[in-house]
């Protein structure tokens, strides 16, 4: 089994809070669709700029 360092995992920016978050195993099949870092951000209103 190949191990990957946490620093080498892909990251995205949360559309609600603007913070970076890293890839998780549970998001493996839906990573392209993930937009939010947490359930709290997903249920919150997106921040307007």
Protein backbone atom coordinates (compact mmCIF):
# COMPACT_ATOMS: atom_id res chain seq x y z
CA UNK A 1 0.00 0.00 0.00
CA UNK A 2 1.40 3.37 -1.04
CA UNK A 3 1.29 6.11 1.56
CA UNK A 4 0.93 9.75 0.60
CA UNK A 5 2.24 12.58 2.75
CA UNK A 6 -0.40 15.05 3.91
CA UNK A 7 1.52 17.88 2.27
CA UNK A 8 1.12 16.14 -1.11
CA UNK A 9 -2.69 15.85 -0.94
CA UNK A 10 -4.75 18.15 -3.18
CA UNK A 11 -6.38 21.20 -1.61
CA UNK A 12 -9.32 23.47 -2.41
CA UNK A 13 -10.64 26.76 -1.04
CA UNK A 14 -14.01 26.68 0.75
CA UNK A 15 -16.57 28.86 -1.07
CA UNK A 16 -18.18 29.97 2.21
CA UNK A 17 -15.32 30.71 4.61
CA UNK A 18 -12.44 31.02 2.15
CA UNK A 19 -10.17 28.67 4.08
CA UNK A 20 -8.15 25.93 2.38
CA UNK A 21 -9.06 22.31 3.04
CA UNK A 22 -7.40 19.08 1.98
CA UNK A 23 -8.59 15.92 0.28
CA UNK A 24 -10.22 13.27 2.47
CA UNK A 25 -10.65 9.57 1.77
CA UNK A 26 -14.45 9.88 2.09
CA UNK A 27 -14.40 12.48 -0.72
CA UNK A 28 -12.41 10.19 -3.04
CA UNK A 29 -15.20 9.61 -5.57
CA UNK A 30 -16.79 13.08 -5.37
CA UNK A 31 -13.72 15.34 -5.01
CA UNK A 32 -14.62 17.26 -8.18
CA UNK A 33 -18.00 18.18 -6.63
CA UNK A 34 -16.76 19.16 -3.14
CA UNK A 35 -17.06 22.93 -2.55
CA UNK A 36 -17.27 23.28 1.24
CA UNK A 37 -14.88 22.33 4.04
CA UNK A 38 -17.59 21.25 6.49
CA UNK A 39 -21.32 20.71 7.02
CA UNK A 40 -21.47 24.05 8.81
CA UNK A 41 -20.12 25.89 5.76
CA UNK A 42 -22.38 23.91 3.44
CA UNK A 43 -25.49 25.00 5.35
CA UNK A 44 -24.35 28.62 5.81
CA UNK A 45 -24.99 31.42 3.35
CA UNK A 46 -21.95 32.03 1.11
CA UNK A 47 -19.92 35.11 2.00
CA UNK A 48 -20.34 37.95 -0.50
CA UNK A 49 -17.26 39.93 -1.55
